[in-house]
C-alpha cells in the first residue's frame, strides 16, 4: 500500500457538503416518505438521545462518557500492542528472508480468518473483561502495520542501499537512516487503518459480552428497541473514528514532512 495524497481544504469542503446532503436526505425520508421510526428515527430524536447522554456528569453511569472511555482506552492499548508487534515483525521480515518465510504464511492464514468467528474464542481465552477487548483490538490492528511496514521497507531503492554499504554503515544504521524514513508513509497508511480497526475490535468484544463500553450501550438500546439511542451511539463512534483518522494524518504531516512538501 502506498501513501495517500493530501486532501487539502477542498477535501474538507466536499466532506462538509456530503454531510449536509446526507442530513437533508435523512430529514426528507422521515418527513416526506414517512419512513417508520423503528427503521430510521427522526434527526431530532437522535439529537435528543445524544443530548441525554452528553448533558450529564462525566462520572455518571447514565451518560456516554464512561462507556466511551472504556471502549477507547482498551482500543488504544490494543492499538499500541498490535502496531508495535506488527512493526517489529514487519521489520524482521524485511531484513531477514528466513523470518519472512516463517511468519508470512501464518500471518496471511490468520488474516484470512473472519474475526467475528474467532472473537468468541478470544473471549473464552481472555474473559469478558478488558483482556478480550485489548486482544481483539490488537489482532485487528496488527495486520495493516505488518504488511505496510514490510512493503515500505522492502521498496527502498537499491542505489540508497549501495550508498550506505559504500559508507560502511551497519544494518541498524541503514535501517534507521534510510529504510525507516522511506517506509514511514507506508507505515502511517497502515496506522490510519489500524486505529479504526482497533476501535472496531473493542466494540466487537463488547457485543459478545462486557460490563461497560459503547458496544454495551448499543446492545442495551437495541434490546428495548431504542433505535434513536442506537443511532446516537453510532454517531459518537463515527465522530471518534473521524477524530482518530485526523489525528493520525496530522501526526503524519509533521513526521513525514518531506512527503508533503509543495502540497497544499
C-alpha atoms as a PDB file:
ATOM      1  CA  UNK A   1       0.000   0.000   0.000  1.00  0.00           C
ATOM      2  CA  UNK A   2       1.294   3.428  -0.861  1.00  0.00           C
ATOM      3  CA  UNK A   3       0.999   6.780   0.848  1.00  0.00           C
ATOM      4  CA  UNK A   4      -2.175   8.726   0.401  1.00  0.00           C
ATOM      5  CA  UNK A   5      -2.465  12.134  -1.229  1.00  0.00           C
ATOM      6  CA  UNK A   6      -3.247  15.097   1.000  1.00  0.00           C
ATOM      7  CA  UNK A   7      -6.873  16.083   0.595  1.00  0.00           C
ATOM      8  CA  UNK A   8      -6.443  19.767   1.475  1.00  0.00           C
ATOM      9  CA  UNK A   9      -9.182  22.360   2.024  1.00  0.00           C
ATOM     10  CA  UNK A  10     -11.167  21.172  -0.991  1.00  0.00           C
ATOM     11  CA  UNK A  11     -11.447  17.710   0.555  1.00  0.00           C
ATOM     12  CA  UNK A  12     -12.858  19.198   3.776  1.00  0.00           C
ATOM     13  CA  UNK A  13     -15.354  21.273   1.801  1.00  0.00           C
ATOM     14  CA  UNK A  14     -16.539  18.251  -0.172  1.00  0.00           C
ATOM     15  CA  UNK A  15     -16.870  16.225   3.034  1.00  0.00           C
ATOM     16  CA  UNK A  16     -18.921  19.018   4.612  1.00  0.00           C
ATOM     17  CA  UNK A  17     -21.212  19.258   1.614  1.00  0.00           C
ATOM     18  CA  UNK A  18     -21.627  15.488   1.614  1.00  0.00           C
ATOM     19  CA  UNK A  19     -22.690  15.622   5.271  1.00  0.00           C
ATOM     20  CA  UNK A  20     -25.267  18.314   4.522  1.00  0.00           C
ATOM     21  CA  UNK A  21     -26.675  16.299   1.621  1.00  0.00           C
ATOM     22  CA  UNK A  22     -26.886  13.205   3.819  1.00  0.00           C
ATOM     23  CA  UNK A  23     -28.706  15.110   6.576  1.00  0.00           C
ATOM     24  CA  UNK A  24     -31.103  16.641   4.056  1.00  0.00           C
ATOM     25  CA  UNK A  25     -31.882  13.224   2.573  1.00  0.00           C
ATOM     26  CA  UNK A  26     -32.375  11.815   6.077  1.00  0.00           C
ATOM     27  CA  UNK A  27     -34.786  14.604   7.015  1.00  0.00           C
ATOM     28  CA  UNK A  28     -36.700  14.255   3.719  1.00  0.00           C
ATOM     29  CA  UNK A  29     -37.003  10.470   4.099  1.00  0.00           C
ATOM     30  CA  UNK A  30     -38.528  10.819   7.554  1.00  0.00           C
ATOM     31  CA  UNK A  31     -40.670  13.863   6.846  1.00  0.00           C
ATOM     32  CA  UNK A  32     -41.990  13.197   3.353  1.00  0.00           C
ATOM     33  CA  UNK A  33     -41.545   9.479   2.741  1.00  0.00           C
ATOM     34  CA  UNK A  34     -42.854   8.589   6.219  1.00  0.00           C
ATOM     35  CA  UNK A  35     -40.160   6.019   6.927  1.00  0.00           C
ATOM     36  CA  UNK A  36     -41.086   4.274  10.223  1.00  0.00           C
ATOM     37  CA  UNK A  37     -39.105   5.415  13.264  1.00  0.00           C
ATOM     38  CA  UNK A  38     -38.055   1.830  14.053  1.00  0.00           C
ATOM     39  CA  UNK A  39     -36.211   1.813  10.726  1.00  0.00           C
ATOM     40  CA  UNK A  40     -34.969   5.391  10.543  1.00  0.00           C
ATOM     41  CA  UNK A  41     -35.573   7.680  13.527  1.00  0.00           C
ATOM     42  CA  UNK A  42     -36.082  11.390  13.010  1.00  0.00           C
ATOM     43  CA  UNK A  43     -32.925  13.527  13.274  1.00  0.00           C
ATOM     44  CA  UNK A  44     -34.380  15.421  16.234  1.00  0.00           C
ATOM     45  CA  UNK A  45     -34.939  12.120  18.090  1.00  0.00           C
ATOM     46  CA  UNK A  46     -31.280  11.239  17.624  1.00  0.00           C
ATOM     47  CA  UNK A  47     -30.266  14.717  18.803  1.00  0.00           C
ATOM     48  CA  UNK A  48     -32.377  14.269  21.949  1.00  0.00           C
ATOM     49  CA  UNK A  49     -30.755  10.874  22.585  1.00  0.00           C
ATOM     50  CA  UNK A  50     -27.320  12.414  22.130  1.00  0.00           C
ATOM     51  CA  UNK A  51     -28.139  15.272  24.475  1.00  0.00           C
ATOM     52  CA  UNK A  52     -29.496  12.948  27.152  1.00  0.00           C
ATOM     53  CA  UNK A  53     -26.206  11.033  27.167  1.00  0.00           C
ATOM     54  CA  UNK A  54     -23.868  14.022  26.862  1.00  0.00           C
ATOM     55  CA  UNK A  55     -25.522  16.625  29.086  1.00  0.00           C
ATOM     56  CA  UNK A  56     -24.728  14.678  32.246  1.00  0.00           C
ATOM     57  CA  UNK A  57     -21.932  14.487  34.762  1.00  0.00           C
ATOM     58  CA  UNK A  58     -18.978  12.716  33.068  1.00  0.00           C
ATOM     59  CA  UNK A  59     -18.802  10.371  36.054  1.00  0.00           C
ATOM     60  CA  UNK A  60     -22.462   9.387  35.720  1.00  0.00           C
ATOM     61  CA  UNK A  61     -23.232   5.847  34.613  1.00  0.00           C
ATOM     62  CA  UNK A  62     -26.208   7.209  32.640  1.00  0.00           C
ATOM     63  CA  UNK A  63     -24.053   9.122  30.171  1.00  0.00           C
ATOM     64  CA  UNK A  64     -21.839   8.195  27.249  1.00  0.00           C
ATOM     65  CA  UNK A  65     -18.562   9.289  28.823  1.00  0.00           C
ATOM     66  CA  UNK A  66     -17.725   6.224  30.909  1.00  0.00           C
ATOM     67  CA  UNK A  67     -18.688   3.708  28.181  1.00  0.00           C
ATOM     68  CA  UNK A  68     -16.755   5.699  25.572  1.00  0.00           C
ATOM     69  CA  UNK A  69     -13.694   5.849  27.808  1.00  0.00           C
ATOM     70  CA  UNK A  70     -13.873   2.099  28.409  1.00  0.00           C
ATOM     71  CA  UNK A  71     -14.025   1.396  24.686  1.00  0.00           C
ATOM     72  CA  UNK A  72     -11.401   3.962  23.747  1.00  0.00           C
ATOM     73  CA  UNK A  73      -8.865   3.048  26.443  1.00  0.00           C
ATOM     74  CA  UNK A  74      -8.953  -0.653  25.616  1.00  0.00           C
ATOM     75  CA  UNK A  75      -8.804   0.068  21.893  1.00  0.00           C
ATOM     76  CA  UNK A  76      -5.786   2.327  22.486  1.00  0.00           C
ATOM     77  CA  UNK A  77      -3.903  -0.380  24.388  1.00  0.00           C
ATOM     78  CA  UNK A  78      -4.747  -2.937  21.699  1.00  0.00           C
ATOM     79  CA  UNK A  79      -3.701  -0.469  19.003  1.00  0.00           C
ATOM     80  CA  UNK A  80      -0.306   0.097  20.609  1.00  0.00           C
ATOM     81  CA  UNK A  81       0.297  -3.616  21.130  1.00  0.00           C
ATOM     82  CA  UNK A  82      -0.848  -4.628  17.647  1.00  0.00           C
ATOM     83  CA  UNK A  83       1.086  -1.875  15.899  1.00  0.00           C
ATOM     84  CA  UNK A  84       4.220  -2.472  17.939  1.00  0.00           C
ATOM     85  CA  UNK A  85       4.205  -6.177  17.174  1.00  0.00           C
ATOM     86  CA  UNK A  86       3.294  -5.563  13.534  1.00  0.00           C
ATOM     87  CA  UNK A  87       6.149  -3.089  13.048  1.00  0.00           C
ATOM     88  CA  UNK A  88       8.611  -5.408  14.780  1.00  0.00           C
ATOM     89  CA  UNK A  89       7.690  -8.477  12.737  1.00  0.00           C
ATOM     90  CA  UNK A  90       7.380  -6.437   9.528  1.00  0.00           C
ATOM     91  CA  UNK A  91      10.880  -5.089  10.066  1.00  0.00           C
ATOM     92  CA  UNK A  92      12.316  -8.524  10.814  1.00  0.00           C
ATOM     93  CA  UNK A  93      10.597  -9.970   7.725  1.00  0.00           C
ATOM     94  CA  UNK A  94      12.032  -7.194   5.555  1.00  0.00           C
ATOM     95  CA  UNK A  95      15.524  -7.684   6.964  1.00  0.00           C
ATOM     96  CA  UNK A  96      15.693 -11.470   7.067  1.00  0.00           C
ATOM     97  CA  UNK A  97      14.341 -13.789   4.366  1.00  0.00           C
ATOM     98  CA  UNK A  98      14.136 -16.659   6.854  1.00  0.00           C
ATOM     99  CA  UNK A  99      11.795 -14.686   9.104  1.00  0.00           C
ATOM    100  CA  UNK A 100       9.670 -13.730   6.110  1.00  0.00           C
ATOM    101  CA  UNK A 101       9.260 -17.350   5.029  1.00  0.00           C
ATOM    102  CA  UNK A 102       8.484 -18.391   8.581  1.00  0.00           C
ATOM    103  CA  UNK A 103       5.978 -15.663   9.515  1.00  0.00           C
ATOM    104  CA  UNK A 104       4.237 -14.628   6.294  1.00  0.00           C
ATOM    105  CA  UNK A 105       2.167 -17.811   5.695  1.00  0.00           C
ATOM    106  CA  UNK A 106       0.834 -17.781   9.256  1.00  0.00           C
ATOM    107  CA  UNK A 107       0.136 -14.040   9.107  1.00  0.00           C
ATOM    108  CA  UNK A 108      -1.961 -14.426   5.967  1.00  0.00           C
ATOM    109  CA  UNK A 109      -3.679 -17.501   7.368  1.00  0.00           C
ATOM    110  CA  UNK A 110      -4.615 -15.521  10.471  1.00  0.00           C
ATOM    111  CA  UNK A 111      -5.819 -12.576   8.391  1.00  0.00           C
ATOM    112  CA  UNK A 112      -7.997 -14.821   6.227  1.00  0.00           C
ATOM    113  CA  UNK A 113      -9.969 -15.988   9.267  1.00  0.00           C
ATOM    114  CA  UNK A 114     -13.166 -13.977   9.874  1.00  0.00           C
ATOM    115  CA  UNK A 115     -12.531 -12.037  13.058  1.00  0.00           C
ATOM    116  CA  UNK A 116     -16.173 -12.219  14.115  1.00  0.00           C
ATOM    117  CA  UNK A 117     -15.894 -16.024  14.014  1.00  0.00           C
ATOM    118  CA  UNK A 118     -12.784 -16.222  16.198  1.00  0.00           C
ATOM    119  CA  UNK A 119     -13.851 -13.426  18.550  1.00  0.00           C
ATOM    120  CA  UNK A 120     -15.881 -15.812  20.765  1.00  0.00           C
ATOM    121  CA  UNK A 121     -12.779 -17.977  21.158  1.00  0.00           C
ATOM    122  CA  UNK A 122     -10.761 -14.942  22.228  1.00  0.00           C
ATOM    123  CA  UNK A 123     -13.464 -14.065  24.765  1.00  0.00           C
ATOM    124  CA  UNK A 124     -13.212 -17.604  26.171  1.00  0.00           C
ATOM    125  CA  UNK A 125      -9.426 -17.271  26.464  1.00  0.00           C
ATOM    126  CA  UNK A 126      -9.286 -13.741  27.883  1.00  0.00           C
ATOM    127  CA  UNK A 127     -12.650 -13.493  29.632  1.00  0.00           C
ATOM    128  CA  UNK A 128     -15.428 -10.928  29.392  1.00  0.00           C
ATOM    129  CA  UNK A 129     -13.361  -8.080  30.804  1.00  0.00           C
ATOM    130  CA  UNK A 130     -10.830  -5.727  29.286  1.00  0.00           C
ATOM    131  CA  UNK A 131      -8.496  -8.524  28.202  1.00  0.00           C
ATOM    132  CA  UNK A 132     -10.677  -9.675  25.318  1.00  0.00           C
ATOM    133  CA  UNK A 133     -11.190  -6.083  24.130  1.00  0.00           C
ATOM    134  CA  UNK A 134      -7.450  -5.459  24.069  1.00  0.00           C
ATOM    135  CA  UNK A 135      -6.735  -8.802  22.366  1.00  0.00           C
ATOM    136  CA  UNK A 136      -9.250  -8.334  19.543  1.00  0.00           C
ATOM    137  CA  UNK A 137      -8.183  -4.703  19.039  1.00  0.00           C
ATOM    138  CA  UNK A 138      -4.535  -5.761  18.823  1.00  0.00           C
ATOM    139  CA  UNK A 139      -5.388  -8.551  16.396  1.00  0.00           C
ATOM    140  CA  UNK A 140      -7.228  -6.208  14.039  1.00  0.00           C
ATOM    141  CA  UNK A 141      -4.523  -3.530  14.227  1.00  0.00           C
ATOM    142  CA  UNK A 142      -1.666  -5.976  13.707  1.00  0.00           C
ATOM    143  CA  UNK A 143      -2.034  -6.956  10.044  1.00  0.00           C
ATOM    144  CA  UNK A 144      -2.189  -3.488   8.367  1.00  0.00           C
ATOM    145  CA  UNK A 145       1.041  -2.459  10.091  1.00  0.00           C
ATOM    146  CA  UNK A 146       2.747  -5.765   9.356  1.00  0.00           C
ATOM    147  CA  UNK A 147       2.091  -5.607   5.626  1.00  0.00           C
ATOM    148  CA  UNK A 148       2.631  -1.866   5.192  1.00  0.00           C
ATOM    149  CA  UNK A 149       5.894  -1.791   7.129  1.00  0.00           C
ATOM    150  CA  UNK A 150       7.180  -4.848   5.263  1.00  0.00           C
ATOM    151  CA  UNK A 151       6.226  -3.353   1.886  1.00  0.00           C
ATOM    152  CA  UNK A 152       7.728   0.040   2.681  1.00  0.00           C
ATOM    153  CA  UNK A 153      10.997  -1.354   3.994  1.00  0.00           C
ATOM    154  CA  UNK A 154      11.409  -3.674   1.010  1.00  0.00           C
ATOM    155  CA  UNK A 155      10.730  -0.890  -1.518  1.00  0.00           C
ATOM    156  CA  UNK A 156      13.875   1.142  -0.805  1.00  0.00           C
ATOM    157  CA  UNK A 157      15.838   1.997  -3.941  1.00  0.00           C
ATOM    158  CA  UNK A 158      18.921  -0.247  -4.344  1.00  0.00           C
ATOM    159  CA  UNK A 159      21.075   2.810  -5.030  1.00  0.00           C
ATOM    160  CA  UNK A 160      20.476   4.102  -1.494  1.00  0.00           C
ATOM    161  CA  UNK A 161      21.402   0.753  -0.011  1.00  0.00           C
ATOM    162  CA  UNK A 162      24.560   0.610  -2.132  1.00  0.00           C
ATOM    163  CA  UNK A 163      25.491   4.077  -0.884  1.00  0.00           C
ATOM    164  CA  UNK A 164      25.119   3.004   2.736  1.00  0.00           C
ATOM    165  CA  UNK A 165      27.252  -0.074   2.077  1.00  0.00           C
ATOM    166  CA  UNK A 166      29.960   2.098   0.498  1.00  0.00           C
ATOM    167  CA  UNK A 167      29.939   4.194   3.686  1.00  0.00           C
ATOM    168  CA  UNK A 168      30.379   1.015   5.780  1.00  0.00           C
ATOM    169  CA  UNK A 169      27.077   1.587   7.538  1.00  0.00           C
ATOM    170  CA  UNK A 170      25.802  -1.160   9.772  1.00  0.00           C
ATOM    171  CA  UNK A 171      22.482  -2.937   9.186  1.00  0.00           C
ATOM    172  CA  UNK A 172      20.928  -0.972  12.057  1.00  0.00           C
ATOM    173  CA  UNK A 173      22.208   2.358  10.700  1.00  0.00           C
ATOM    174  CA  UNK A 174      20.834   1.555   7.247  1.00  0.00           C
ATOM    175  CA  UNK A 175      17.503   0.627   8.757  1.00  0.00           C
ATOM    176  CA  UNK A 176      17.260   3.754  10.899  1.00  0.00           C
ATOM    177  CA  UNK A 177      18.627   6.317   8.427  1.00  0.00           C
ATOM    178  CA  UNK A 178      17.318   5.011   5.102  1.00  0.00           C
ATOM    179  CA  UNK A 179      14.763   2.231   5.293  1.00  0.00           C
ATOM    180  CA  UNK A 180      12.574   3.505   8.121  1.00  0.00           C
ATOM    181  CA  UNK A 181      12.209   7.070   6.738  1.00  0.00           C
ATOM    182  CA  UNK A 182      11.407   5.617   3.311  1.00  0.00           C
ATOM    183  CA  UNK A 183       8.792   3.300   4.808  1.00  0.00           C
ATOM    184  CA  UNK A 184       7.224   5.989   7.024  1.00  0.00           C
ATOM    185  CA  UNK A 185       4.419   6.924   4.569  1.00  0.00           C
ATOM    186  CA  UNK A 186       3.538   3.228   4.231  1.00  0.00           C
ATOM    187  CA  UNK A 187       3.569   2.772   7.989  1.00  0.00           C
ATOM    188  CA  UNK A 188       1.301   5.762   8.554  1.00  0.00           C
ATOM    189  CA  UNK A 189      -1.092   4.431   5.931  1.00  0.00           C
ATOM    190  CA  UNK A 190      -1.256   1.261   7.995  1.00  0.00           C
ATOM    191  CA  UNK A 191      -1.696   3.257  11.208  1.00  0.00           C
ATOM    192  CA  UNK A 192      -4.605   5.099   9.632  1.00  0.00           C
ATOM    193  CA  UNK A 193      -6.409   1.798   9.070  1.00  0.00           C
ATOM    194  CA  UNK A 194      -5.251   0.176  12.300  1.00  0.00           C
ATOM    195  CA  UNK A 195      -6.561   2.939  14.566  1.00  0.00           C
ATOM    196  CA  UNK A 196     -10.105   2.442  13.262  1.00  0.00           C
ATOM    197  CA  UNK A 197      -9.788  -1.347  13.246  1.00  0.00           C
ATOM    198  CA  UNK A 198      -8.688  -1.279  16.891  1.00  0.00           C
ATOM    199  CA  UNK A 199     -11.798   0.676  17.846  1.00  0.00           C
ATOM    200  CA  UNK A 200     -13.897  -1.801  15.894  1.00  0.00           C
ATOM    201  CA  UNK A 201     -12.231  -4.709  17.690  1.00  0.00           C
ATOM    202  CA  UNK A 202     -13.099  -3.318  21.111  1.00  0.00           C
ATOM    203  CA  UNK A 203     -16.743  -2.863  20.092  1.00  0.00           C
ATOM    204  CA  UNK A 204     -16.947  -6.414  18.719  1.00  0.00           C
ATOM    205  CA  UNK A 205     -15.673  -7.748  22.052  1.00  0.00           C
ATOM    206  CA  UNK A 206     -18.283  -5.677  23.874  1.00  0.00           C
ATOM    207  CA  UNK A 207     -21.044  -7.102  21.709  1.00  0.00           C
ATOM    208  CA  UNK A 208     -20.044 -10.600  22.801  1.00  0.00           C
ATOM    209  CA  UNK A 209     -20.095  -9.807  26.488  1.00  0.00           C
ATOM    210  CA  UNK A 210     -18.822  -6.928  28.591  1.00  0.00           C
ATOM    211  CA  UNK A 211     -19.819  -4.858  31.593  1.00  0.00           C
ATOM    212  CA  UNK A 212     -19.190  -1.472  30.041  1.00  0.00           C
ATOM    213  CA  UNK A 213     -18.484   0.143  26.682  1.00  0.00           C
ATOM    214  CA  UNK A 214     -20.190   1.633  23.661  1.00  0.00           C
ATOM    215  CA  UNK A 215     -20.933  -1.854  22.381  1.00  0.00           C
ATOM    216  CA  UNK A 216     -22.861  -2.490  25.597  1.00  0.00           C
ATOM    217  CA  UNK A 217     -24.734   0.802  25.128  1.00  0.00           C
ATOM    218  CA  UNK A 218     -25.759  -0.242  21.609  1.00  0.00           C
ATOM    219  CA  UNK A 219     -26.802  -3.704  22.789  1.00  0.00           C
ATOM    220  CA  UNK A 220     -28.911  -2.280  25.620  1.00  0.00           C
ATOM    221  CA  UNK A 221     -30.604   0.235  23.313  1.00  0.00           C
ATOM    222  CA  UNK A 222     -31.298  -2.490  20.757  1.00  0.00           C
ATOM    223  CA  UNK A 223     -32.846  -4.703  23.450  1.00  0.00           C
ATOM    224  CA  UNK A 224     -35.523  -2.080  24.179  1.00  0.00           C
ATOM    225  CA  UNK A 225     -35.926  -1.073  20.502  1.00  0.00           C
ATOM    226  CA  UNK A 226     -34.417   2.351  21.154  1.00  0.00           C
ATOM    227  CA  UNK A 227     -33.372   2.973  17.565  1.00  0.00           C
ATOM    228  CA  UNK A 228     -32.601   6.642  18.241  1.00  0.00           C
ATOM    229  CA  UNK A 229     -30.274   5.556  21.059  1.00  0.00           C
ATOM    230  CA  UNK A 230     -28.509   3.139  18.710  1.00  0.00           C
ATOM    231  CA  UNK A 231     -28.089   5.913  16.126  1.00  0.00           C
ATOM    232  CA  UNK A 232     -26.763   8.268  18.807  1.00  0.00           C
ATOM    233  CA  UNK A 233     -24.113   5.750  19.859  1.00  0.00           C
ATOM    234  CA  UNK A 234     -23.176   5.192  16.209  1.00  0.00           C
ATOM    235  CA  UNK A 235     -22.852   8.941  15.665  1.00  0.00           C
ATOM    236  CA  UNK A 236     -20.475   9.179  18.626  1.00  0.00           C
ATOM    237  CA  UNK A 237     -18.383   6.286  17.340  1.00  0.00           C
ATOM    238  CA  UNK A 238     -18.332   7.823  13.870  1.00  0.00           C
ATOM    239  CA  UNK A 239     -17.097  11.142  15.250  1.00  0.00           C
ATOM    240  CA  UNK A 240     -14.424   9.350  17.298  1.00  0.00           C
ATOM    241  CA  UNK A 241     -13.325   7.472  14.187  1.00  0.00           C
ATOM    242  CA  UNK A 242     -13.003  10.715  12.216  1.00  0.00           C
ATOM    243  CA  UNK A 243     -11.048  12.349  15.048  1.00  0.00           C
ATOM    244  CA  UNK A 244      -8.662   9.398  15.261  1.00  0.00           C
ATOM    245  CA  UNK A 245      -8.167   9.416  11.487  1.00  0.00           C
ATOM    246  CA  UNK A 246      -7.493  13.169  11.503  1.00  0.00           C
ATOM    247  CA  UNK A 247      -5.055  12.791  14.401  1.00  0.00           C
ATOM    248  CA  UNK A 248      -3.035  10.155  12.562  1.00  0.00           C
ATOM    249  CA  UNK A 249      -2.992  12.338   9.442  1.00  0.00           C
ATOM    250  CA  UNK A 250      -1.798  15.380  11.392  1.00  0.00           C
ATOM    251  CA  UNK A 251       0.961  13.389  13.045  1.00  0.00           C
ATOM    252  CA  UNK A 252       1.945  12.023   9.645  1.00  0.00           C
ATOM    253  CA  UNK A 253       2.203  15.516   8.155  1.00  0.00           C
ATOM    254  CA  UNK A 254       4.526  16.533  10.984  1.00  0.00           C
ATOM    255  CA  UNK A 255       6.683  13.410  10.985  1.00  0.00           C
ATOM    256  CA  UNK A 256       6.782  12.664   7.241  1.00  0.00           C
ATOM    257  CA  UNK A 257       7.198  16.329   6.330  1.00  0.00           C
ATOM    258  CA  UNK A 258       9.341  15.513   3.289  1.00  0.00           C
ATOM    259  CA  UNK A 259       6.425  13.645   1.722  1.00  0.00           C
ATOM    260  CA  UNK A 260       4.155  16.705   1.815  1.00  0.00           C
ATOM    261  CA  UNK A 261       6.412  19.473   0.575  1.00  0.00           C
ATOM    262  CA  UNK A 262       4.784  21.548  -2.105  1.00  0.00           C
ATOM    263  CA  UNK A 263       1.318  20.161  -1.293  1.00  0.00           C
ATOM    264  CA  UNK A 264      -1.467  22.409  -0.086  1.00  0.00           C
END
